[in-house]
Protein backbone atom coordinates (compact mmCIF):
# COMPACT_ATOMS: atom_id res chain seq x y z
CA UNK A 1 147.20 28.32 -40.07
CA UNK A 2 146.42 24.64 -40.00
CA UNK A 3 146.56 21.84 -37.44
CA UNK A 4 148.51 18.62 -37.71
CA UNK A 5 147.72 15.25 -39.25
CA UNK A 6 145.73 12.79 -37.17
CA UNK A 7 146.57 9.12 -37.57
CA UNK A 8 143.37 7.23 -36.86
CA UNK A 9 145.06 3.83 -36.85
CA UNK A 10 146.99 4.45 -33.63
CA UNK A 11 145.02 5.40 -30.53
CA UNK A 12 146.93 7.89 -28.41
CA UNK A 13 146.40 9.43 -25.00
CA UNK A 14 144.93 12.81 -25.87
CA UNK A 15 143.91 15.85 -23.87
CA UNK A 16 141.81 18.89 -24.69
CA UNK A 17 143.11 22.34 -23.75
CA UNK A 18 140.64 25.17 -23.29
CA UNK A 19 141.10 28.91 -22.75
CA UNK A 20 138.68 31.87 -22.90
CA UNK A 21 139.92 35.24 -24.19
CA UNK A 22 138.55 38.45 -25.65
CA UNK A 23 138.09 38.61 -29.42
CA UNK A 24 141.09 40.89 -29.96
CA UNK A 25 143.45 38.30 -28.47
CA UNK A 26 142.11 35.25 -30.32
CA UNK A 27 144.70 35.22 -33.18
CA UNK A 28 147.73 35.20 -30.88
CA UNK A 29 146.42 32.49 -28.55
CA UNK A 30 145.33 30.47 -31.58
CA UNK A 31 148.85 30.73 -32.98
CA UNK A 32 150.31 29.54 -29.67
CA UNK A 33 148.13 26.42 -29.83
CA UNK A 34 148.68 25.74 -33.53
CA UNK A 35 152.40 25.17 -33.10
CA UNK A 36 151.99 22.23 -30.71
CA UNK A 37 148.44 20.88 -31.01
CA UNK A 38 146.72 18.51 -33.41
CA UNK A 39 143.74 20.74 -34.06
CA UNK A 40 142.31 24.05 -32.81
CA UNK A 41 138.71 25.22 -32.78
CA UNK A 42 136.98 28.45 -31.72
CA UNK A 43 133.54 28.87 -30.18
CA UNK A 44 131.50 31.91 -29.19
CA UNK A 45 131.42 32.24 -25.42
CA UNK A 46 128.75 34.95 -25.29
CA UNK A 47 126.07 36.41 -27.54
CA UNK A 48 128.01 39.62 -28.18
CA UNK A 49 131.05 37.68 -29.49
CA UNK A 50 133.35 39.62 -27.17
CA UNK A 51 134.76 36.43 -25.64
CA UNK A 52 135.74 33.26 -27.46
CA UNK A 53 136.72 29.83 -26.18
CA UNK A 54 139.66 28.21 -27.92
CA UNK A 55 139.85 24.43 -27.69
CA UNK A 56 142.91 22.48 -28.81
CA UNK A 57 143.64 18.76 -28.83
CA UNK A 58 147.15 17.39 -28.32
CA UNK A 59 148.87 14.20 -27.29
CA UNK A 60 149.06 14.13 -23.50
CA UNK A 61 152.51 15.12 -22.23
CA UNK A 62 153.83 16.04 -25.68
CA UNK A 63 155.34 19.45 -26.51
CA UNK A 64 154.76 20.72 -22.99
CA UNK A 65 157.78 23.04 -22.90
CA UNK A 66 156.91 24.52 -26.29
CA UNK A 67 153.30 25.05 -25.20
CA UNK A 68 154.28 26.79 -21.95
CA UNK A 69 156.80 28.99 -23.76
CA UNK A 70 154.30 29.99 -26.45
CA UNK A 71 151.56 30.79 -23.93
CA UNK A 72 153.98 32.72 -21.72
CA UNK A 73 155.03 34.85 -24.69
CA UNK A 74 151.43 35.57 -25.71
CA UNK A 75 150.43 36.39 -22.14
CA UNK A 76 153.34 38.83 -21.88
CA UNK A 77 152.37 40.46 -25.19
CA UNK A 78 148.66 40.79 -24.37
CA UNK A 79 148.70 41.17 -20.59
CA UNK A 80 146.03 38.45 -20.47
CA UNK A 81 146.52 35.77 -17.84
CA UNK A 82 143.54 33.60 -18.74
CA UNK A 83 143.71 30.15 -17.07
CA UNK A 84 144.36 27.08 -19.20
CA UNK A 85 142.00 24.17 -18.52
CA UNK A 86 142.78 20.56 -19.40
CA UNK A 87 140.78 17.36 -19.55
CA UNK A 88 141.48 13.90 -20.92
CA UNK A 89 140.01 12.99 -24.30
CA UNK A 90 139.43 9.51 -25.69
CA UNK A 91 141.41 9.27 -28.92
CA UNK A 92 139.00 7.15 -30.91
CA UNK A 93 135.97 9.00 -29.65
CA UNK A 94 137.52 12.36 -30.43
CA UNK A 95 138.42 11.35 -33.97
CA UNK A 96 134.90 10.07 -34.57
CA UNK A 97 133.42 13.32 -33.26
CA UNK A 98 135.82 15.35 -35.39
CA UNK A 99 134.83 13.42 -38.50
CA UNK A 100 131.13 13.67 -37.66
CA UNK A 101 131.52 17.42 -37.16
CA UNK A 102 133.20 17.82 -40.52
CA UNK A 103 130.74 17.12 -43.34
CA UNK A 104 131.65 18.52 -46.78
CA UNK A 105 132.36 22.24 -46.48
CA UNK A 106 130.79 24.13 -49.38
CA UNK A 107 132.48 27.49 -49.78
CA UNK A 108 131.17 30.04 -52.25
CA UNK A 109 129.86 28.69 -55.55
CA UNK A 110 132.88 26.67 -56.64
CA UNK A 111 134.73 25.00 -53.78
CA UNK A 112 134.12 21.96 -51.59
CA UNK A 113 136.52 20.94 -48.80
CA UNK A 114 136.19 17.24 -47.95
CA UNK A 115 137.63 15.09 -45.19
CA UNK A 116 139.41 11.87 -46.15
CA UNK A 117 136.87 9.96 -44.04
CA UNK A 118 134.00 10.75 -46.43
CA UNK A 119 133.04 7.76 -48.59
CA UNK A 120 130.44 9.33 -50.86
CA UNK A 121 131.27 10.57 -54.34
CA UNK A 122 132.46 14.19 -54.45
CA UNK A 123 130.29 16.78 -56.14
CA UNK A 124 130.92 17.05 -59.87
CA UNK A 125 129.75 20.67 -59.81
CA UNK A 126 132.47 21.78 -57.38
CA UNK A 127 136.24 22.03 -57.27
CA UNK A 128 136.93 19.45 -54.56
CA UNK A 129 139.88 19.58 -52.17
CA UNK A 130 140.45 16.63 -49.84
CA UNK A 131 142.16 16.99 -46.47
CA UNK A 132 142.69 14.74 -43.48
CA UNK A 133 139.82 15.25 -41.04
CA UNK A 134 142.17 16.69 -38.41
CA UNK A 135 143.42 19.30 -40.83
CA UNK A 136 140.11 19.99 -42.52
CA UNK A 137 138.34 20.62 -39.23
CA UNK A 138 140.77 23.43 -38.49
CA UNK A 139 141.12 25.07 -41.88
CA UNK A 140 138.16 24.43 -44.14
CA UNK A 141 135.81 25.79 -41.50
CA UNK A 142 138.02 28.68 -40.39
CA UNK A 143 136.56 32.09 -41.26
CA UNK A 144 139.85 33.38 -42.68
CA UNK A 145 140.22 30.38 -45.00
CA UNK A 146 136.63 30.61 -46.19
CA UNK A 147 137.08 34.33 -46.78
CA UNK A 148 140.15 33.69 -48.94
CA UNK A 149 138.33 31.09 -51.04
CA UNK A 150 135.40 33.47 -51.57
CA UNK A 151 137.85 36.22 -52.53
CA UNK A 152 139.55 33.87 -54.99
CA UNK A 153 136.22 33.32 -56.72
CA UNK A 154 135.67 37.06 -57.04
CA UNK A 155 139.00 37.70 -58.78
CA UNK A 156 139.15 34.48 -60.83
CA UNK A 157 138.25 36.34 -64.03
CA UNK A 158 141.68 38.00 -63.94
CA UNK A 159 143.27 34.63 -64.67
CA UNK A 160 146.54 35.25 -62.76
CA UNK A 161 149.66 33.64 -64.21
CA UNK A 162 152.12 33.84 -61.29
CA UNK A 163 150.68 32.89 -57.90
CA UNK A 164 152.20 32.88 -54.40
CA UNK A 165 150.72 31.50 -51.18
CA UNK A 166 152.71 33.19 -48.41
CA UNK A 167 152.31 31.27 -45.14
CA UNK A 168 150.67 28.29 -46.84
CA UNK A 169 149.91 26.14 -43.77
CA UNK A 170 148.03 23.06 -45.01
CA UNK A 171 148.29 24.34 -48.59
CA UNK A 172 144.53 24.66 -48.98
CA UNK A 173 144.66 28.06 -50.73
CA UNK A 174 147.54 27.09 -53.00
CA UNK A 175 145.65 23.92 -53.98
CA UNK A 176 142.46 25.87 -54.63
CA UNK A 177 144.29 28.25 -56.96
CA UNK A 178 146.13 25.40 -58.71
CA UNK A 179 142.86 23.51 -59.25
CA UNK A 180 141.01 26.60 -60.43
CA UNK A 181 143.63 27.97 -62.84
CA UNK A 182 145.52 24.76 -63.75
CA UNK A 183 148.90 26.40 -63.29
CA UNK A 184 151.84 26.27 -60.84
CA UNK A 185 151.64 27.91 -57.41
CA UNK A 186 154.56 28.69 -55.10
CA UNK A 187 153.64 27.79 -51.49
CA UNK A 188 155.95 29.06 -48.73
CA UNK A 189 155.90 28.67 -44.96
CA UNK A 190 158.27 29.42 -42.10
CA UNK A 191 157.32 26.13 -40.39
CA UNK A 192 159.03 23.03 -41.89
CA UNK A 193 156.11 20.89 -40.73
CA UNK A 194 153.66 23.02 -42.71
CA UNK A 195 155.75 22.65 -45.86
CA UNK A 196 155.70 18.85 -45.50
CA UNK A 197 151.94 18.82 -44.86
CA UNK A 198 151.23 21.08 -47.85
CA UNK A 199 153.31 18.87 -50.15
CA UNK A 200 151.55 15.76 -48.83
CA UNK A 201 148.12 17.32 -49.35
CA UNK A 202 149.05 18.39 -52.87
CA UNK A 203 150.00 14.80 -53.70
CA UNK A 204 146.77 13.51 -52.10
CA UNK A 205 144.77 15.80 -54.39
CA UNK A 206 146.73 14.99 -57.54
CA UNK A 207 148.23 18.49 -57.55
CA UNK A 208 151.81 17.56 -56.67
CA UNK A 209 153.29 18.74 -59.99
CA UNK A 210 151.61 22.15 -59.66
CA UNK A 211 152.60 23.03 -56.07
CA UNK A 212 156.17 24.12 -55.35
CA UNK A 213 156.28 23.89 -51.53
CA UNK A 214 159.24 25.73 -49.97
CA UNK A 215 160.51 26.37 -46.45
CA UNK A 216 161.54 29.99 -45.99
CA UNK A 217 161.35 33.24 -44.08
CA UNK A 218 158.66 35.14 -45.91
CA UNK A 219 159.78 37.58 -48.58
CA UNK A 220 163.43 36.78 -47.81
CA UNK A 221 162.98 33.29 -49.27
CA UNK A 222 165.21 32.88 -52.31
CA UNK A 223 162.55 31.14 -54.41
CA UNK A 224 160.10 33.95 -53.65
CA UNK A 225 162.55 36.62 -54.80
CA UNK A 226 163.48 34.70 -57.94
CA UNK A 227 159.90 34.27 -59.15
CA UNK A 228 158.65 37.78 -58.36
CA UNK A 229 156.66 39.78 -59.31
CA UNK A 230 153.33 38.00 -58.78
CA UNK A 231 149.87 38.51 -60.25
CA UNK A 232 148.19 37.00 -57.16
CA UNK A 233 149.43 36.73 -53.58
CA UNK A 234 147.64 35.01 -50.70
CA UNK A 235 148.78 35.97 -47.21
CA UNK A 236 146.61 34.29 -44.58
CA UNK A 237 148.81 35.03 -41.58
CA UNK A 238 148.19 37.45 -38.68
CA UNK A 239 147.46 41.17 -38.59
CA UNK A 240 150.76 42.51 -37.25
CA UNK A 241 153.02 40.38 -39.48
CA UNK A 242 150.90 41.49 -42.44
CA UNK A 243 151.53 45.12 -41.51
CA UNK A 244 155.28 44.52 -41.25
CA UNK A 245 155.31 42.80 -44.65
CA UNK A 246 153.26 45.46 -46.47
CA UNK A 247 156.22 47.10 -48.19
CA UNK A 248 157.63 43.78 -49.42
CA UNK A 249 154.22 42.72 -50.67
CA UNK A 250 153.74 45.93 -52.64
CA UNK A 251 157.26 45.66 -54.10
CA UNK A 252 156.77 42.06 -55.26
CA UNK A 253 153.24 42.49 -56.60
CA UNK A 254 152.87 43.02 -60.34
CA UNK A 255 151.24 46.26 -61.48
CA UNK A 256 147.55 45.41 -61.70
CA UNK A 257 148.12 42.41 -59.42
CA UNK A 258 145.88 41.27 -56.58
CA UNK A 259 146.63 40.50 -52.92
CA UNK A 260 144.24 38.52 -50.70
CA UNK A 261 145.01 39.15 -47.04
CA UNK A 262 143.48 37.26 -44.11
CA UNK A 263 144.09 36.00 -40.60
CA UNK A 264 142.83 39.28 -39.15
CA UNK A 265 139.85 40.09 -37.01
CA UNK A 266 137.24 42.59 -38.13
CA UNK A 267 138.61 44.96 -35.50
CA UNK A 268 142.11 44.71 -37.04
CA UNK A 269 141.10 45.21 -40.67
CA UNK A 270 141.60 48.98 -40.71
CA UNK A 271 145.10 48.71 -39.23
CA UNK A 272 146.14 46.23 -41.93
CA UNK A 273 144.45 48.23 -44.68
CA UNK A 274 146.16 51.49 -43.73
CA UNK A 275 149.59 49.80 -43.71
CA UNK A 276 149.05 48.65 -47.30
CA UNK A 277 147.44 51.85 -48.52
CA UNK A 278 150.63 53.63 -47.46
CA UNK A 279 152.43 51.38 -49.94
CA UNK A 280 150.09 52.38 -52.77
CA UNK A 281 147.69 49.42 -52.71
CA UNK A 282 143.96 50.00 -53.11
CA UNK A 283 141.10 48.24 -51.34
CA UNK A 284 138.68 46.51 -53.68
CA UNK A 285 136.55 44.61 -51.18
CA UNK A 286 136.37 43.47 -47.56
CA UNK A 287 134.73 40.13 -46.86
CA UNK A 288 133.57 39.05 -43.40
CA UNK A 289 133.13 35.55 -41.96
CA UNK A 290 132.02 35.85 -38.33
CA UNK A 291 134.77 37.79 -36.49
CA UNK A 292 137.28 37.37 -39.36
CA UNK A 293 137.96 39.72 -42.27
CA UNK A 294 139.54 39.14 -45.67
CA UNK A 295 140.87 42.08 -47.70
CA UNK A 296 141.13 42.10 -51.50
CA UNK A 297 143.75 44.66 -52.50
CA UNK A 298 144.95 45.75 -55.95
CA UNK A 299 148.16 47.37 -57.11
CA UNK A 300 147.23 50.12 -59.59
CA UNK A 301 148.30 49.51 -63.17
């Protein structure tokens, strides 16, 4: 779940899209934006956190048909016909604001997510991961990503040998695991663009040899089947796809293995948990970051 690269050397005509929806519908509308926009952010619209404003930046006039199709599908699924607002955005000014809004992101006790625009020396006491500012703004700050990194810290003592990042997006979780354990990680995504971005980020961070980035359809991906079972699986996707994939996850998880699931709202956590408990997995811990939950599950030995 990560936005696209931003090339600061070429000013483009940009626009900001804005839509306000209830918390329960945030993941689907976010996903609709992520497929066609450069970056997506979420902001509380009221004190009770029942409504959230999603803001996305894209090149003006680009991917219009894909955007309309994605929003039409989500509106049909949710029954929500929230209006989409647009306004022009100065490219250079937006990039500067994005960079200014993205200082180093310190997550847990071990990790630091840094934008490529930062010139200061990275912390020697942290495991540093560098991302383009456009990507970092959308993933290093996201509650589901932060929850996964915190969960990774909690289970690090298990020293997993075979690691899978299912739905890798920018590759941030795969890179964190590779940097922490110094061993190969299989990173898979259904979006070809995400696979290219993850591979590029791995190279940027000197982790190219450790990340095997593959395009594929989830658990049906040949490389995923060949390397199973896994000691550790990340799946930072969406609640309903996680439920549908519960049986495959349990089948491909090593006895005693750990699964870190995210991309779900606090209100969706029980639904996802029950789907995996039916497959024999056990909840170890639920972490919360704002409206987002991360589940740490274990397959009994």
